[in-house]
Amino acid sequence: IVSKIPTSKPQLDAAIYEKVLSTYLMQKKFEELKELLIQWPLNIYNLTSIDQLIRLQMDDERTAKALLECSAVIAEKQGNVSKTLDIYLKMGNAQAFQLIERKNLHAEILPYIEKLMSINRK
């Protein structure tokens, strides 16, 4: 029923959206969680609360990687590009390059060149 939940006109109480997101988190449906974080507007739920819940669930390496991707989505929605880049670099995730292109960060990447090269030399 998640696809039927309205995200605007009418907009539900933020607690409902947070409950849906936390349910996906508790059921370890991280890919679905990430998709909702991407799709849903940032003003319908508390980004900080969800990010805190996500960080509390990072209990093993496999889980941490999936949840770090969710945290990166939240950080970017919050406008925290440097945190987003740091997360992608920590993960060794090639999405760092997409972020650099998307946000035109070419002038700011010099300190990260070595890490970026370890992700992809091209």
C-alpha atoms as a PDB file:
ATOM      1  CA  ILE A   1       0.000   0.000   0.000  1.00  0.00           C
ATOM      2  CA  VAL A   2       3.032   2.297   0.213  1.00  0.00           C
ATOM      3  CA  SER A   3       2.581   3.388  -3.383  1.00  0.00           C
ATOM      4  CA  LYS A   4      -0.908   4.644  -2.444  1.00  0.00           C
ATOM      5  CA  ILE A   5       0.281   6.812   0.462  1.00  0.00           C
ATOM      6  CA  PRO A   6      -0.125  10.454  -0.566  1.00  0.00           C
ATOM      7  CA  THR A   7       2.920  12.696  -0.254  1.00  0.00           C
ATOM      8  CA  SER A   8       1.121  15.922  -1.119  1.00  0.00           C
ATOM      9  CA  LYS A   9      -2.459  17.135  -1.164  1.00  0.00           C
ATOM     10  CA  PRO A  10      -3.362  15.563   1.126  1.00  0.00           C
ATOM     11  CA  GLN A  11      -0.190  15.300   3.120  1.00  0.00           C
ATOM     12  CA  LEU A  12      -0.292  13.047   6.156  1.00  0.00           C
ATOM     13  CA  ASP A  13       1.285  13.637   9.536  1.00  0.00           C
ATOM     14  CA  ALA A  14       5.088  13.254   9.494  1.00  0.00           C
ATOM     15  CA  ALA A  15       4.833  10.431  12.053  1.00  0.00           C
ATOM     16  CA  ILE A  16       3.056   8.243   9.490  1.00  0.00           C
ATOM     17  CA  TYR A  17       5.819   8.613   6.914  1.00  0.00           C
ATOM     18  CA  GLU A  18       8.428   8.018   9.603  1.00  0.00           C
ATOM     19  CA  LYS A  19       6.589   4.866  10.704  1.00  0.00           C
ATOM     20  CA  VAL A  20       6.640   3.516   7.142  1.00  0.00           C
ATOM     21  CA  LEU A  21      10.358   4.274   6.784  1.00  0.00           C
ATOM     22  CA  SER A  22      11.197   2.759  10.167  1.00  0.00           C
ATOM     23  CA  THR A  23       9.153  -0.351   9.311  1.00  0.00           C
ATOM     24  CA  TYR A  24      11.266  -0.902   6.190  1.00  0.00           C
ATOM     25  CA  LEU A  25      14.353  -0.330   8.314  1.00  0.00           C
ATOM     26  CA  MET A  26      13.324  -2.842  11.001  1.00  0.00           C
ATOM     27  CA  GLN A  27      12.376  -5.427   8.370  1.00  0.00           C
ATOM     28  CA  LYS A  28      15.812  -4.917   6.781  1.00  0.00           C
ATOM     29  CA  LYS A  29      14.280  -3.926   3.444  1.00  0.00           C
ATOM     30  CA  PHE A  30      17.070  -1.445   2.823  1.00  0.00           C
ATOM     31  CA  GLU A  31      16.698  -1.118  -0.940  1.00  0.00           C
ATOM     32  CA  GLU A  32      13.006  -0.248  -0.553  1.00  0.00           C
ATOM     33  CA  LEU A  33      13.906   2.184   2.218  1.00  0.00           C
ATOM     34  CA  LYS A  34      16.454   3.894  -0.009  1.00  0.00           C
ATOM     35  CA  GLU A  35      13.935   4.171  -2.845  1.00  0.00           C
ATOM     36  CA  LEU A  36      11.391   5.843  -0.568  1.00  0.00           C
ATOM     37  CA  LEU A  37      14.044   8.224   0.719  1.00  0.00           C
ATOM     38  CA  ILE A  38      14.816   9.159  -2.880  1.00  0.00           C
ATOM     39  CA  GLN A  39      11.189   9.416  -4.010  1.00  0.00           C
ATOM     40  CA  TRP A  40       9.517  11.109  -1.058  1.00  0.00           C
ATOM     41  CA  PRO A  41       9.865  14.882  -0.649  1.00  0.00           C
ATOM     42  CA  LEU A  42      12.161  15.908   2.185  1.00  0.00           C
ATOM     43  CA  ASN A  43       9.531  18.041   3.918  1.00  0.00           C
ATOM     44  CA  ILE A  44       7.110  15.234   4.812  1.00  0.00           C
ATOM     45  CA  TYR A  45       9.217  13.513   7.482  1.00  0.00           C
ATOM     46  CA  ASN A  46      12.053  14.353   9.845  1.00  0.00           C
ATOM     47  CA  LEU A  47      15.278  13.564   7.985  1.00  0.00           C
ATOM     48  CA  THR A  48      17.411  13.760  11.121  1.00  0.00           C
ATOM     49  CA  SER A  49      15.239  11.291  13.044  1.00  0.00           C
ATOM     50  CA  ILE A  50      15.323   8.766  10.218  1.00  0.00           C
ATOM     51  CA  ASP A  51      19.097   9.179   9.810  1.00  0.00           C
ATOM     52  CA  GLN A  52      19.570   8.520  13.539  1.00  0.00           C
ATOM     53  CA  LEU A  53      17.459   5.353  13.316  1.00  0.00           C
ATOM     54  CA  ILE A  54      19.491   4.231  10.323  1.00  0.00           C
ATOM     55  CA  ARG A  55      22.792   4.750  12.126  1.00  0.00           C
ATOM     56  CA  LEU A  56      21.547   2.756  15.120  1.00  0.00           C
ATOM     57  CA  GLN A  57      20.864  -0.240  12.848  1.00  0.00           C
ATOM     58  CA  MET A  58      24.407  -0.486  11.416  1.00  0.00           C
ATOM     59  CA  ASP A  59      25.328  -3.720  13.145  1.00  0.00           C
ATOM     60  CA  ASP A  60      27.365  -5.603  10.561  1.00  0.00           C
ATOM     61  CA  GLU A  61      29.361  -4.827   7.435  1.00  0.00           C
ATOM     62  CA  ARG A  62      26.673  -5.852   4.921  1.00  0.00           C
ATOM     63  CA  THR A  63      23.993  -3.919   6.758  1.00  0.00           C
ATOM     64  CA  ALA A  64      26.252  -0.914   7.241  1.00  0.00           C
ATOM     65  CA  LYS A  65      26.930  -0.572   3.518  1.00  0.00           C
ATOM     66  CA  ALA A  66      23.238  -0.610   2.592  1.00  0.00           C
ATOM     67  CA  LEU A  67      22.390   1.798   5.383  1.00  0.00           C
ATOM     68  CA  LEU A  68      25.251   4.139   4.539  1.00  0.00           C
ATOM     69  CA  GLU A  69      23.676   4.512   1.099  1.00  0.00           C
ATOM     70  CA  CYS A  70      20.453   5.553   2.824  1.00  0.00           C
ATOM     71  CA  SER A  71      22.381   8.053   4.964  1.00  0.00           C
ATOM     72  CA  ALA A  72      24.009   9.462   1.835  1.00  0.00           C
ATOM     73  CA  VAL A  73      20.571  10.049   0.293  1.00  0.00           C
ATOM     74  CA  ILE A  74      19.454  11.858   3.460  1.00  0.00           C
ATOM     75  CA  ALA A  75      22.630  13.952   3.648  1.00  0.00           C
ATOM     76  CA  GLU A  76      22.199  15.039   0.040  1.00  0.00           C
ATOM     77  CA  LYS A  77      18.530  15.912   0.627  1.00  0.00           C
ATOM     78  CA  GLN A  78      19.643  18.007   3.600  1.00  0.00           C
ATOM     79  CA  GLY A  79      22.032  19.847   1.283  1.00  0.00           C
ATOM     80  CA  ASN A  80      25.087  18.464   3.068  1.00  0.00           C
ATOM     81  CA  VAL A  81      27.127  17.640  -0.015  1.00  0.00           C
ATOM     82  CA  SER A  82      30.411  17.209   1.845  1.00  0.00           C
ATOM     83  CA  LYS A  83      28.846  14.617   4.188  1.00  0.00           C
ATOM     84  CA  THR A  84      27.337  12.841   1.178  1.00  0.00           C
ATOM     85  CA  LEU A  85      30.720  12.748  -0.544  1.00  0.00           C
ATOM     86  CA  ASP A  86      32.421  11.546   2.651  1.00  0.00           C
ATOM     87  CA  ILE A  87      29.939   8.668   2.947  1.00  0.00           C
ATOM     88  CA  TYR A  88      30.433   7.599  -0.671  1.00  0.00           C
ATOM     89  CA  LEU A  89      34.214   7.791  -0.287  1.00  0.00           C
ATOM     90  CA  LYS A  90      34.115   5.813   2.967  1.00  0.00           C
ATOM     91  CA  MET A  91      32.135   3.123   1.156  1.00  0.00           C
ATOM     92  CA  GLY A  92      34.371   3.202  -1.905  1.00  0.00           C
ATOM     93  CA  ASN A  93      31.184   3.827  -3.872  1.00  0.00           C
ATOM     94  CA  ALA A  94      31.367   5.032  -7.481  1.00  0.00           C
ATOM     95  CA  GLN A  95      28.339   7.215  -6.800  1.00  0.00           C
ATOM     96  CA  ALA A  96      30.903   9.731  -5.530  1.00  0.00           C
ATOM     97  CA  PHE A  97      31.675  10.521  -9.167  1.00  0.00           C
ATOM     98  CA  GLN A  98      28.003  11.046  -9.989  1.00  0.00           C
ATOM     99  CA  LEU A  99      27.685  13.381  -7.008  1.00  0.00           C
ATOM    100  CA  ILE A 100      30.733  15.360  -8.152  1.00  0.00           C
ATOM    101  CA  GLU A 101      29.175  15.764 -11.603  1.00  0.00           C
ATOM    102  CA  ARG A 102      25.666  16.463 -10.314  1.00  0.00           C
ATOM    103  CA  LYS A 103      26.808  19.119  -7.820  1.00  0.00           C
ATOM    104  CA  ASN A 104      29.734  20.445  -9.906  1.00  0.00           C
ATOM    105  CA  LEU A 105      32.290  19.725  -7.174  1.00  0.00           C
ATOM    106  CA  HIS A 106      35.318  19.558  -9.455  1.00  0.00           C
ATOM    107  CA  ALA A 107      37.108  22.404  -7.660  1.00  0.00           C
ATOM    108  CA  GLU A 108      36.653  20.789  -4.224  1.00  0.00           C
ATOM    109  CA  ILE A 109      37.882  17.254  -4.924  1.00  0.00           C
ATOM    110  CA  LEU A 110      41.645  17.771  -4.729  1.00  0.00           C
ATOM    111  CA  PRO A 111      41.896  16.423  -1.131  1.00  0.00           C
ATOM    112  CA  TYR A 112      39.989  13.322  -2.234  1.00  0.00           C
ATOM    113  CA  ILE A 113      41.916  12.462  -5.422  1.00  0.00           C
ATOM    114  CA  GLU A 114      43.763   9.488  -3.925  1.00  0.00           C
ATOM    115  CA  LYS A 115      40.556   7.932  -2.564  1.00  0.00           C
ATOM    116  CA  LEU A 116      38.709   8.645  -5.817  1.00  0.00           C
ATOM    117  CA  MET A 117      41.498   6.962  -7.779  1.00  0.00           C
ATOM    118  CA  SER A 118      41.256   3.911  -5.539  1.00  0.00           C
ATOM    119  CA  ILE A 119      37.566   3.686  -6.460  1.00  0.00           C
ATOM    120  CA  ASN A 120      38.118   4.169 -10.194  1.00  0.00           C
ATOM    121  CA  ARG A 121      41.390   5.144 -11.850  1.00  0.00           C
ATOM    122  CA  LYS A 122      39.617   6.358 -15.006  1.00  0.00           C
END
